Amino acid sequence: MIQRADHTEERSYGSAQTGGHDAADFARRVDAAGGDVTAAVHQWLVETRRIRSDAHILHLEVRTWRPR
């Protein structure tokens, strides 16, 4: 996690080296959130106790990759 001077944080939950998240699971989560990727990520973060339910996501960057 990187703490920024403006009181925001940068976090990573997967990488090409360590593996990421199951794409089918995340697709189901996004579908359940009515296509709202931010809402799906927020719900996952709450479920895994990484954030409080009243936290706000201000910026979300999603990166994907394919195995070589």
Protein backbone atom coordinates (compact mmCIF):
# COMPACT_ATOMS: atom_id res chain seq x y z
CA MET A 1 0.00 0.00 0.00
CA ILE A 2 1.21 3.50 -0.78
CA GLN A 3 -0.11 6.28 1.48
CA ARG A 4 -0.32 9.61 -0.32
CA ALA A 5 -0.05 13.14 1.07
CA ASP A 6 -3.67 13.86 0.07
CA HIS A 7 -4.82 11.08 2.44
CA THR A 8 -5.56 8.61 -0.36
CA GLU A 9 -3.99 5.19 -0.78
CA GLU A 10 -2.74 3.12 -3.66
CA ARG A 11 -3.14 -0.64 -3.26
CA SER A 12 -2.54 -3.66 -5.42
CA TYR A 13 -4.34 -6.99 -4.99
CA GLY A 14 -2.67 -9.04 -7.68
CA SER A 15 0.11 -9.00 -10.23
CA ALA A 16 1.41 -10.96 -13.17
CA GLN A 17 3.97 -12.53 -10.83
CA THR A 18 1.68 -13.41 -7.93
CA GLY A 19 -1.54 -14.03 -9.83
CA GLY A 20 -4.65 -11.98 -9.73
CA HIS A 21 -8.34 -12.68 -9.41
CA ASP A 22 -10.51 -15.18 -11.20
CA ALA A 23 -11.98 -13.30 -14.17
CA ALA A 24 -15.22 -15.31 -14.19
CA ASP A 25 -15.81 -14.55 -10.49
CA PHE A 26 -15.23 -10.85 -11.01
CA ALA A 27 -17.47 -10.84 -14.09
CA ARG A 28 -20.26 -12.36 -11.97
CA ARG A 29 -19.68 -9.71 -9.30
CA VAL A 30 -19.89 -6.90 -11.88
CA ASP A 31 -23.06 -8.42 -13.36
CA ALA A 32 -24.59 -8.63 -9.86
CA ALA A 33 -23.75 -4.93 -9.37
CA GLY A 34 -25.65 -4.03 -12.54
CA GLY A 35 -22.45 -3.51 -14.53
CA ASP A 36 -20.95 -1.10 -11.99
CA VAL A 37 -17.30 -2.18 -11.68
CA THR A 38 -16.61 0.23 -8.81
CA ALA A 39 -19.58 -1.10 -6.83
CA ALA A 40 -18.43 -4.68 -7.42
CA VAL A 41 -14.89 -3.87 -6.24
CA HIS A 42 -16.25 -1.98 -3.23
CA GLN A 43 -18.43 -4.96 -2.25
CA TRP A 44 -15.45 -7.33 -2.58
CA LEU A 45 -13.27 -5.04 -0.45
CA VAL A 46 -15.97 -4.89 2.23
CA GLU A 47 -16.50 -8.68 2.15
CA THR A 48 -12.78 -9.29 2.57
CA ARG A 49 -12.57 -6.68 5.34
CA ARG A 50 -10.11 -4.50 3.44
CA ILE A 51 -12.29 -1.37 3.75
CA ARG A 52 -15.22 -0.19 5.82
CA SER A 53 -18.62 -0.24 4.19
CA ASP A 54 -18.87 3.57 4.37
CA ALA A 55 -15.56 4.09 2.51
CA HIS A 56 -15.70 5.82 -0.88
CA ILE A 57 -13.67 4.77 -3.91
CA LEU A 58 -12.57 7.94 -5.66
CA HIS A 59 -10.48 6.41 -8.42
CA LEU A 60 -10.23 2.85 -9.64
CA GLU A 61 -7.72 1.47 -12.10
CA VAL A 62 -8.13 -2.09 -13.34
CA ARG A 63 -5.35 -3.77 -15.27
CA THR A 64 -5.59 -7.08 -17.02
CA TRP A 65 -3.07 -9.34 -18.67
CA ARG A 66 -2.91 -12.63 -20.48
CA PRO A 67 -0.49 -15.45 -19.71
CA ARG A 68 2.31 -15.75 -22.24
